[in-house]
All heavy atoms as atom14 arrays in JSON, in Angstrom:
{
  "sequence": "AVFDFDTTKLSIFTRSVGLAGIEVYDILRDEYDIQMEFGDIAN",
  "atom14_mask": [
    [1, 1, 1, 1, 1, 0, 0, 0, 0, 0, 0, 0, 0, 0],
    [1, 1, 1, 1, 1, 1, 1, 0, 0, 0, 0, 0, 0, 0],
    [1, 1, 1, 1, 1, 1, 1, 1, 1, 1, 1, 0, 0, 0],
    [1, 1, 1, 1, 1, 1, 1, 1, 0, 0, 0, 0, 0, 0],
    [1, 1, 1, 1, 1, 1, 1, 1, 1, 1, 1, 0, 0, 0],
    [1, 1, 1, 1, 1, 1, 1, 1, 0, 0, 0, 0, 0, 0],
    [1, 1, 1, 1, 1, 1, 1, 0, 0, 0, 0, 0, 0, 0],
    [1, 1, 1, 1, 1, 1, 1, 0, 0, 0, 0, 0, 0, 0],
    [1, 1, 1, 1, 1, 1, 1, 1, 1, 0, 0, 0, 0, 0],
    [1, 1, 1, 1, 1, 1, 1, 1, 0, 0, 0, 0, 0, 0],
    [1, 1, 1, 1, 1, 1, 0, 0, 0, 0, 0, 0, 0, 0],
    [1, 1, 1, 1, 1, 1, 1, 1, 0, 0, 0, 0, 0, 0],
    [1, 1, 1, 1, 1, 1, 1, 1, 1, 1, 1, 0, 0, 0],
    [1, 1, 1, 1, 1, 1, 1, 0, 0, 0, 0, 0, 0, 0],
    [1, 1, 1, 1, 1, 1, 1, 1, 1, 1, 1, 0, 0, 0],
    [1, 1, 1, 1, 1, 1, 0, 0, 0, 0, 0, 0, 0, 0],
    [1, 1, 1, 1, 1, 1, 1, 0, 0, 0, 0, 0, 0, 0],
    [1, 1, 1, 1, 0, 0, 0, 0, 0, 0, 0, 0, 0, 0],
    [1, 1, 1, 1, 1, 1, 1, 1, 0, 0, 0, 0, 0, 0],
    [1, 1, 1, 1, 1, 0, 0, 0, 0, 0, 0, 0, 0, 0],
    [1, 1, 1, 1, 0, 0, 0, 0, 0, 0, 0, 0, 0, 0],
    [1, 1, 1, 1, 1, 1, 1, 1, 0, 0, 0, 0, 0, 0],
    [1, 1, 1, 1, 1, 1, 1, 1, 1, 0, 0, 0, 0, 0],
    [1, 1, 1, 1, 1, 1, 1, 0, 0, 0, 0, 0, 0, 0],
    [1, 1, 1, 1, 1, 1, 1, 1, 1, 1, 1, 1, 0, 0],
    [1, 1, 1, 1, 1, 1, 1, 1, 0, 0, 0, 0, 0, 0],
    [1, 1, 1, 1, 1, 1, 1, 1, 0, 0, 0, 0, 0, 0],
    [1, 1, 1, 1, 1, 1, 1, 1, 0, 0, 0, 0, 0, 0],
    [1, 1, 1, 1, 1, 1, 1, 1, 1, 1, 1, 0, 0, 0],
    [1, 1, 1, 1, 1, 1, 1, 1, 0, 0, 0, 0, 0, 0],
    [1, 1, 1, 1, 1, 1, 1, 1, 1, 0, 0, 0, 0, 0],
    [1, 1, 1, 1, 1, 1, 1, 1, 1, 1, 1, 1, 0, 0],
    [1, 1, 1, 1, 1, 1, 1, 1, 0, 0, 0, 0, 0, 0],
    [1, 1, 1, 1, 1, 1, 1, 1, 0, 0, 0, 0, 0, 0],
    [1, 1, 1, 1, 1, 1, 1, 1, 1, 0, 0, 0, 0, 0],
    [1, 1, 1, 1, 1, 1, 1, 1, 0, 0, 0, 0, 0, 0],
    [1, 1, 1, 1, 1, 1, 1, 1, 1, 0, 0, 0, 0, 0],
    [1, 1, 1, 1, 1, 1, 1, 1, 1, 1, 1, 0, 0, 0],
    [1, 1, 1, 1, 0, 0, 0, 0, 0, 0, 0, 0, 0, 0],
    [1, 1, 1, 1, 1, 1, 1, 1, 0, 0, 0, 0, 0, 0],
    [1, 1, 1, 1, 1, 1, 1, 1, 0, 0, 0, 0, 0, 0],
    [1, 1, 1, 1, 1, 0, 0, 0, 0, 0, 0, 0, 0, 0],
    [1, 1, 1, 1, 1, 1, 1, 1, 0, 0, 0, 0, 0, 0]
  ],
  "atom14_positions": [
    [[-3.53, -40.14, 76.82], [-4.26, -40.12, 75.56], [-4.93, -41.47, 75.28], [-5.93, -41.54, 74.58], [-3.33, -39.75, 74.41], [0.0, 0.0, 0.0], [0.0, 0.0, 0.0], [0.0, 0.0, 0.0], [0.0, 0.0, 0.0], [0.0, 0.0, 0.0], [0.0, 0.0, 0.0], [0.0, 0.0, 0.0], [0.0, 0.0, 0.0], [0.0, 0.0, 0.0]],
    [[-4.34, -42.53, 75.82], [-4.99, -43.85, 75.81], [-5.18, -44.23, 77.28], [-4.43, -45.0, 77.85], [-4.15, -44.92, 75.08], [-4.96, -46.21, 74.93], [-3.71, -44.42, 73.71], [0.0, 0.0, 0.0], [0.0, 0.0, 0.0], [0.0, 0.0, 0.0], [0.0, 0.0, 0.0], [0.0, 0.0, 0.0], [0.0, 0.0, 0.0], [0.0, 0.0, 0.0]],
    [[-6.21, -43.64, 77.87], [-6.44, -43.88, 79.3], [-6.85, -45.33, 79.54], [-6.48, -45.94, 80.54], [-7.52, -42.93, 79.83], [-7.79, -43.14, 81.29], [-6.92, -42.64, 82.24], [-8.92, -43.84, 81.72], [-7.16, -42.84, 83.6], [-9.17, -44.04, 83.07], [-8.28, -43.54, 84.02], [0.0, 0.0, 0.0], [0.0, 0.0, 0.0], [0.0, 0.0, 0.0]],
    [[-7.62, -45.88, 78.62], [-8.05, -47.27, 78.74], [-8.34, -47.8, 77.34], [-8.37, -47.04, 76.37], [-9.3, -47.39, 79.63], [-9.4, -48.74, 80.33], [-8.69, -49.69, 79.91], [-10.2, -48.87, 81.28], [0.0, 0.0, 0.0], [0.0, 0.0, 0.0], [0.0, 0.0, 0.0], [0.0, 0.0, 0.0], [0.0, 0.0, 0.0], [0.0, 0.0, 0.0]],
    [[-8.54, -49.11, 77.25], [-8.78, -49.74, 75.95], [-9.91, -50.75, 76.07], [-9.97, -51.52, 77.04], [-7.51, -50.43, 75.46], [-7.64, -51.0, 74.06], [-7.45, -50.2, 72.94], [-7.96, -52.35, 73.86], [-7.58, -50.72, 71.66], [-8.08, -52.87, 72.59], [-7.89, -52.05, 71.48], [0.0, 0.0, 0.0], [0.0, 0.0, 0.0], [0.0, 0.0, 0.0]],
    [[-10.8, -50.73, 75.09], [-11.92, -51.66, 75.05], [-11.44, -52.97, 74.43], [-11.25, -53.06, 73.22], [-13.06, -51.06, 74.22], [-14.21, -52.03, 74.01], [-14.25, -53.08, 74.67], [-15.08, -51.73, 73.17], [0.0, 0.0, 0.0], [0.0, 0.0, 0.0], [0.0, 0.0, 0.0], [0.0, 0.0, 0.0], [0.0, 0.0, 0.0], [0.0, 0.0, 0.0]],
    [[-11.26, -53.98, 75.25], [-10.67, -55.24, 74.78], [-11.64, -56.07, 73.94], [-11.26, -57.14, 73.45], [-10.16, -56.09, 75.96], [-11.2, -56.25, 76.93], [-8.95, -55.44, 76.6], [0.0, 0.0, 0.0], [0.0, 0.0, 0.0], [0.0, 0.0, 0.0], [0.0, 0.0, 0.0], [0.0, 0.0, 0.0], [0.0, 0.0, 0.0], [0.0, 0.0, 0.0]],
    [[-12.88, -55.61, 73.75], [-13.76, -56.3, 72.81], [-13.49, -55.88, 71.36], [-14.03, -56.48, 70.43], [-15.25, -56.06, 73.12], [-15.61, -54.7, 72.8], [-15.57, -56.35, 74.57], [0.0, 0.0, 0.0], [0.0, 0.0, 0.0], [0.0, 0.0, 0.0], [0.0, 0.0, 0.0], [0.0, 0.0, 0.0], [0.0, 0.0, 0.0], [0.0, 0.0, 0.0]],
    [[-12.67, -54.85, 71.18], [-12.39, -54.36, 69.82], [-11.21, -55.13, 69.22], [-10.1, -55.13, 69.78], [-12.08, -52.86, 69.85], [-13.25, -51.99, 70.28], [-14.39, -52.01, 69.28], [-15.49, -51.04, 69.65], [-16.22, -51.43, 70.88], [0.0, 0.0, 0.0], [0.0, 0.0, 0.0], [0.0, 0.0, 0.0], [0.0, 0.0, 0.0], [0.0, 0.0, 0.0]],
    [[-11.46, -55.77, 68.09], [-10.41, -56.5, 67.39], [-9.91, -55.65, 66.22], [-10.3, -55.83, 65.07], [-10.93, -57.86, 66.91], [-9.91, -58.8, 66.24], [-8.68, -59.01, 67.12], [-10.56, -60.13, 65.9], [0.0, 0.0, 0.0], [0.0, 0.0, 0.0], [0.0, 0.0, 0.0], [0.0, 0.0, 0.0], [0.0, 0.0, 0.0], [0.0, 0.0, 0.0]],
    [[-9.07, -54.68, 66.56], [-8.46, -53.78, 65.58], [-7.14, -54.38, 65.14], [-6.32, -54.78, 65.98], [-8.23, -52.41, 66.19], [-9.44, -51.85, 66.68], [0.0, 0.0, 0.0], [0.0, 0.0, 0.0], [0.0, 0.0, 0.0], [0.0, 0.0, 0.0], [0.0, 0.0, 0.0], [0.0, 0.0, 0.0], [0.0, 0.0, 0.0], [0.0, 0.0, 0.0]],
    [[-6.92, -54.44, 63.83], [-5.74, -55.13, 63.29], [-4.95, -54.18, 62.4], [-5.47, -53.65, 61.41], [-6.15, -56.38, 62.48], [-7.03, -57.3, 63.32], [-4.91, -57.11, 61.97], [-7.77, -58.35, 62.5], [0.0, 0.0, 0.0], [0.0, 0.0, 0.0], [0.0, 0.0, 0.0], [0.0, 0.0, 0.0], [0.0, 0.0, 0.0], [0.0, 0.0, 0.0]],
    [[-3.69, -53.96, 62.76], [-2.77, -53.13, 61.98], [-2.26, -53.97, 60.8], [-1.75, -55.07, 60.99], [-1.62, -52.68, 62.88], [-0.58, -51.84, 62.2], [-0.89, -50.59, 61.68], [0.73, -52.29, 62.1], [0.08, -49.8, 61.08], [1.71, -51.5, 61.49], [1.38, -50.26, 60.98], [0.0, 0.0, 0.0], [0.0, 0.0, 0.0], [0.0, 0.0, 0.0]],
    [[-2.42, -53.42, 59.59], [-2.13, -54.21, 58.38], [-0.9, -53.74, 57.61], [-0.41, -54.47, 56.74], [-3.34, -54.14, 57.43], [-3.49, -52.79, 56.95], [-4.62, -54.59, 58.11], [0.0, 0.0, 0.0], [0.0, 0.0, 0.0], [0.0, 0.0, 0.0], [0.0, 0.0, 0.0], [0.0, 0.0, 0.0], [0.0, 0.0, 0.0], [0.0, 0.0, 0.0]],
    [[-0.4, -52.56, 57.9], [0.62, -51.97, 57.03], [1.93, -52.77, 57.03], [2.68, -52.74, 56.06], [0.87, -50.52, 57.44], [1.48, -49.68, 56.31], [1.5, -48.2, 56.64], [2.34, -47.92, 57.78], [2.02, -47.08, 58.75], [0.86, -46.45, 58.72], [2.84, -46.87, 59.76], [0.0, 0.0, 0.0], [0.0, 0.0, 0.0], [0.0, 0.0, 0.0]],
    [[2.19, -53.51, 58.12], [3.43, -54.28, 58.2], [3.51, -55.39, 57.15], [4.61, -55.86, 56.83], [3.6, -54.88, 59.6], [3.75, -53.87, 60.57], [0.0, 0.0, 0.0], [0.0, 0.0, 0.0], [0.0, 0.0, 0.0], [0.0, 0.0, 0.0], [0.0, 0.0, 0.0], [0.0, 0.0, 0.0], [0.0, 0.0, 0.0], [0.0, 0.0, 0.0]],
    [[2.36, -55.81, 56.63], [2.38, -56.82, 55.57], [2.25, -56.17, 54.2], [2.0, -56.84, 53.19], [1.28, -57.9, 55.77], [1.53, -58.68, 57.04], [-0.11, -57.29, 55.79], [0.0, 0.0, 0.0], [0.0, 0.0, 0.0], [0.0, 0.0, 0.0], [0.0, 0.0, 0.0], [0.0, 0.0, 0.0], [0.0, 0.0, 0.0], [0.0, 0.0, 0.0]],
    [[2.39, -54.85, 54.17], [2.4, -54.14, 52.89], [1.04, -53.9, 52.29], [0.93, -53.61, 51.09], [0.0, 0.0, 0.0], [0.0, 0.0, 0.0], [0.0, 0.0, 0.0], [0.0, 0.0, 0.0], [0.0, 0.0, 0.0], [0.0, 0.0, 0.0], [0.0, 0.0, 0.0], [0.0, 0.0, 0.0], [0.0, 0.0, 0.0], [0.0, 0.0, 0.0]],
    [[-0.01, -53.99, 53.11], [-1.37, -53.81, 52.62], [-2.09, -52.75, 53.44], [-1.97, -52.71, 54.67], [-2.16, -55.12, 52.71], [-1.67, -56.28, 51.83], [-2.38, -57.57, 52.23], [-1.9, -55.97, 50.35], [0.0, 0.0, 0.0], [0.0, 0.0, 0.0], [0.0, 0.0, 0.0], [0.0, 0.0, 0.0], [0.0, 0.0, 0.0], [0.0, 0.0, 0.0]],
    [[-2.84, -51.89, 52.75], [-3.72, -50.95, 53.46], [-4.86, -51.74, 54.09], [-5.25, -52.81, 53.61], [-4.27, -49.91, 52.49], [0.0, 0.0, 0.0], [0.0, 0.0, 0.0], [0.0, 0.0, 0.0], [0.0, 0.0, 0.0], [0.0, 0.0, 0.0], [0.0, 0.0, 0.0], [0.0, 0.0, 0.0], [0.0, 0.0, 0.0], [0.0, 0.0, 0.0]],
    [[-5.41, -51.19, 55.15], [-6.53, -51.86, 55.81], [-7.69, -52.1, 54.87], [-8.35, -53.15, 54.92], [0.0, 0.0, 0.0], [0.0, 0.0, 0.0], [0.0, 0.0, 0.0], [0.0, 0.0, 0.0], [0.0, 0.0, 0.0], [0.0, 0.0, 0.0], [0.0, 0.0, 0.0], [0.0, 0.0, 0.0], [0.0, 0.0, 0.0], [0.0, 0.0, 0.0]],
    [[-7.96, -51.13, 53.99], [-9.09, -51.27, 53.06], [-8.81, -52.37, 52.05], [-9.74, -53.06, 51.58], [-9.39, -49.92, 52.35], [-10.67, -50.04, 51.51], [-8.21, -49.45, 51.54], [-11.92, -50.36, 52.28], [0.0, 0.0, 0.0], [0.0, 0.0, 0.0], [0.0, 0.0, 0.0], [0.0, 0.0, 0.0], [0.0, 0.0, 0.0], [0.0, 0.0, 0.0]],
    [[-7.54, -52.6, 51.71], [-7.2, -53.7, 50.8], [-7.47, -55.05, 51.46], [-8.0, -55.97, 50.83], [-5.74, -53.59, 50.37], [-5.47, -52.4, 49.46], [-4.0, -52.27, 49.11], [-3.16, -52.24, 50.03], [-3.69, -52.18, 47.91], [0.0, 0.0, 0.0], [0.0, 0.0, 0.0], [0.0, 0.0, 0.0], [0.0, 0.0, 0.0], [0.0, 0.0, 0.0]],
    [[-7.11, -55.17, 52.73], [-7.38, -56.41, 53.47], [-8.88, -56.62, 53.6], [-9.4, -57.73, 53.44], [-6.7, -56.37, 54.85], [-7.04, -57.61, 55.66], [-5.19, -56.24, 54.7], [0.0, 0.0, 0.0], [0.0, 0.0, 0.0], [0.0, 0.0, 0.0], [0.0, 0.0, 0.0], [0.0, 0.0, 0.0], [0.0, 0.0, 0.0], [0.0, 0.0, 0.0]],
    [[-9.59, -55.54, 53.89], [-11.06, -55.57, 53.97], [-11.66, -56.13, 52.68], [-12.52, -57.01, 52.69], [-11.54, -54.15, 54.24], [-13.02, -53.89, 54.16], [-13.81, -53.89, 55.31], [-13.63, -53.59, 52.94], [-15.17, -53.62, 55.24], [-14.99, -53.32, 52.86], [-15.76, -53.34, 54.01], [-17.1, -53.06, 53.93], [0.0, 0.0, 0.0], [0.0, 0.0, 0.0]],
    [[-11.2, -55.62, 51.54], [-11.73, -56.05, 50.25], [-11.37, -57.5, 49.95], [-12.2, -58.27, 49.45], [-11.19, -55.15, 49.13], [-11.85, -53.78, 49.11], [-12.96, -53.64, 49.66], [-11.26, -52.84, 48.54], [0.0, 0.0, 0.0], [0.0, 0.0, 0.0], [0.0, 0.0, 0.0], [0.0, 0.0, 0.0], [0.0, 0.0, 0.0], [0.0, 0.0, 0.0]],
    [[-10.12, -57.89, 50.24], [-9.7, -59.28, 49.98], [-10.5, -60.26, 50.83], [-10.94, -61.31, 50.34], [-8.19, -59.44, 50.23], [-7.38, -58.61, 49.23], [-7.77, -60.91, 50.15], [-5.91, -58.48, 49.58], [0.0, 0.0, 0.0], [0.0, 0.0, 0.0], [0.0, 0.0, 0.0], [0.0, 0.0, 0.0], [0.0, 0.0, 0.0], [0.0, 0.0, 0.0]],
    [[-10.67, -59.93, 52.09], [-11.43, -60.82, 52.98], [-12.86, -61.01, 52.48], [-13.4, -62.12, 52.51], [-11.43, -60.26, 54.41], [-10.14, -60.46, 55.2], [-10.16, -59.62, 56.48], [-9.93, -61.94, 55.55], [0.0, 0.0, 0.0], [0.0, 0.0, 0.0], [0.0, 0.0, 0.0], [0.0, 0.0, 0.0], [0.0, 0.0, 0.0], [0.0, 0.0, 0.0]],
    [[-13.47, -59.93, 52.03], [-14.86, -60.03, 51.54], [-14.93, -60.76, 50.2], [-15.75, -61.66, 50.02], [-15.45, -58.62, 51.4], [-16.92, -58.61, 50.94], [-17.32, -57.24, 50.43], [-16.5, -56.82, 49.31], [-15.84, -55.66, 49.24], [-15.91, -54.8, 50.22], [-15.1, -55.37, 48.17], [0.0, 0.0, 0.0], [0.0, 0.0, 0.0], [0.0, 0.0, 0.0]],
    [[-14.07, -60.37, 49.26], [-14.17, -60.87, 47.9], [-13.62, -62.29, 47.74], [-14.15, -63.07, 46.93], [-13.43, -59.94, 46.93], [-14.04, -58.55, 46.88], [-15.2, -58.39, 47.3], [-13.34, -57.61, 46.43], [0.0, 0.0, 0.0], [0.0, 0.0, 0.0], [0.0, 0.0, 0.0], [0.0, 0.0, 0.0], [0.0, 0.0, 0.0], [0.0, 0.0, 0.0]],
    [[-12.58, -62.63, 48.48], [-11.94, -63.93, 48.3], [-12.26, -64.95, 49.39], [-12.14, -66.15, 49.16], [-10.41, -63.74, 48.25], [-9.93, -62.78, 47.17], [-10.25, -63.26, 45.77], [-10.3, -64.5, 45.56], [-10.47, -62.41, 44.87], [0.0, 0.0, 0.0], [0.0, 0.0, 0.0], [0.0, 0.0, 0.0], [0.0, 0.0, 0.0], [0.0, 0.0, 0.0]],
    [[-12.67, -64.46, 50.57], [-12.88, -65.39, 51.69], [-14.28, -65.31, 52.29], [-14.56, -66.0, 53.28], [-11.82, -65.12, 52.78], [-10.42, -65.36, 52.3], [-9.67, -64.33, 51.72], [-9.83, -66.61, 52.42], [-8.38, -64.54, 51.26], [-8.53, -66.84, 51.97], [-7.82, -65.8, 51.39], [-6.54, -66.02, 50.94], [0.0, 0.0, 0.0], [0.0, 0.0, 0.0]],
    [[-15.14, -64.49, 51.72], [-16.51, -64.34, 52.23], [-16.54, -63.96, 53.71], [-17.36, -64.45, 54.49], [-17.33, -65.63, 52.01], [-17.58, -65.89, 50.54], [-17.68, -64.91, 49.77], [-17.67, -67.06, 50.16], [0.0, 0.0, 0.0], [0.0, 0.0, 0.0], [0.0, 0.0, 0.0], [0.0, 0.0, 0.0], [0.0, 0.0, 0.0], [0.0, 0.0, 0.0]],
    [[-15.63, -63.09, 54.09], [-15.58, -62.57, 55.47], [-15.81, -61.07, 55.4], [-15.05, -60.34, 54.75], [-14.23, -62.88, 56.14], [-14.05, -64.4, 56.31], [-14.11, -62.17, 57.49], [-12.69, -64.81, 56.83], [0.0, 0.0, 0.0], [0.0, 0.0, 0.0], [0.0, 0.0, 0.0], [0.0, 0.0, 0.0], [0.0, 0.0, 0.0], [0.0, 0.0, 0.0]],
    [[-16.87, -60.61, 56.06], [-17.22, -59.18, 56.04], [-16.71, -58.5, 57.3], [-17.24, -58.71, 58.38], [-18.73, -59.0, 55.92], [-19.17, -57.54, 55.86], [-18.62, -56.81, 54.66], [-18.82, -57.23, 53.52], [-17.9, -55.72, 54.9], [0.0, 0.0, 0.0], [0.0, 0.0, 0.0], [0.0, 0.0, 0.0], [0.0, 0.0, 0.0], [0.0, 0.0, 0.0]],
    [[-15.68, -57.68, 57.16], [-15.16, -56.9, 58.28], [-16.01, -55.65, 58.47], [-16.79, -55.26, 57.59], [-13.7, -56.53, 58.03], [-12.79, -57.72, 57.81], [-12.55, -58.71, 59.31], [-11.21, -57.79, 60.08], [0.0, 0.0, 0.0], [0.0, 0.0, 0.0], [0.0, 0.0, 0.0], [0.0, 0.0, 0.0], [0.0, 0.0, 0.0], [0.0, 0.0, 0.0]],
    [[-15.84, -54.97, 59.6], [-16.58, -53.75, 59.87], [-16.09, -52.61, 58.98], [-16.88, -51.9, 58.38], [-16.46, -53.36, 61.35], [-17.03, -52.01, 61.72], [-18.53, -51.91, 61.53], [-19.19, -52.96, 61.33], [-19.06, -50.79, 61.6], [0.0, 0.0, 0.0], [0.0, 0.0, 0.0], [0.0, 0.0, 0.0], [0.0, 0.0, 0.0], [0.0, 0.0, 0.0]],
    [[-14.79, -52.43, 58.91], [-14.24, -51.42, 58.01], [-12.74, -51.62, 57.82], [-12.09, -52.36, 58.56], [-14.52, -49.99, 58.5], [-13.61, -49.5, 59.6], [-12.41, -48.87, 59.31], [-13.97, -49.65, 60.92], [-11.58, -48.41, 60.33], [-13.15, -49.2, 61.94], [-11.95, -48.58, 61.65], [0.0, 0.0, 0.0], [0.0, 0.0, 0.0], [0.0, 0.0, 0.0]],
    [[-12.22, -50.98, 56.8], [-10.79, -50.91, 56.6], [-10.42, -49.47, 56.31], [-11.14, -48.78, 55.59], [0.0, 0.0, 0.0], [0.0, 0.0, 0.0], [0.0, 0.0, 0.0], [0.0, 0.0, 0.0], [0.0, 0.0, 0.0], [0.0, 0.0, 0.0], [0.0, 0.0, 0.0], [0.0, 0.0, 0.0], [0.0, 0.0, 0.0], [0.0, 0.0, 0.0]],
    [[-9.31, -49.01, 56.85], [-8.86, -47.66, 56.55], [-7.48, -47.73, 55.89], [-7.17, -48.71, 55.22], [-8.88, -46.77, 57.8], [-8.01, -47.31, 58.93], [-6.97, -47.94, 58.64], [-8.36, -47.1, 60.1], [0.0, 0.0, 0.0], [0.0, 0.0, 0.0], [0.0, 0.0, 0.0], [0.0, 0.0, 0.0], [0.0, 0.0, 0.0], [0.0, 0.0, 0.0]],
    [[-6.67, -46.74, 56.08], [-5.38, -46.71, 55.41], [-4.4, -47.75, 55.96], [-3.62, -48.33, 55.23], [-4.75, -45.3, 55.51], [-5.66, -44.27, 54.81], [-3.36, -45.26, 54.9], [-5.95, -44.59, 53.36], [0.0, 0.0, 0.0], [0.0, 0.0, 0.0], [0.0, 0.0, 0.0], [0.0, 0.0, 0.0], [0.0, 0.0, 0.0], [0.0, 0.0, 0.0]],
    [[-4.5, -48.03, 57.26], [-3.5, -48.92, 57.86], [-4.1, -49.97, 58.8], [-3.35, -50.74, 59.4], [-2.47, -48.09, 58.63], [0.0, 0.0, 0.0], [0.0, 0.0, 0.0], [0.0, 0.0, 0.0], [0.0, 0.0, 0.0], [0.0, 0.0, 0.0], [0.0, 0.0, 0.0], [0.0, 0.0, 0.0], [0.0, 0.0, 0.0], [0.0, 0.0, 0.0]],
    [[-5.42, -50.0, 58.94], [-6.04, -50.91, 59.91], [-7.34, -51.48, 59.35], [-7.98, -50.89, 58.48], [-6.38, -50.15, 61.21], [-5.18, -49.49, 61.85], [-4.52, -50.07, 62.69], [-4.89, -48.26, 61.44], [0.0, 0.0, 0.0], [0.0, 0.0, 0.0], [0.0, 0.0, 0.0], [0.0, 0.0, 0.0], [0.0, 0.0, 0.0], [0.0, 0.0, 0.0]]
  ]
}
């Protein structure tokens, strides 16, 4: 099901720090002026 992985993709799991991916996305943009590609429920 994961035959290979594109190592250019910087996907980050966020749930372990108690934050949804979209929350991290918003904080990075609003507080640090860093625009991520997207945030979902856990990444």
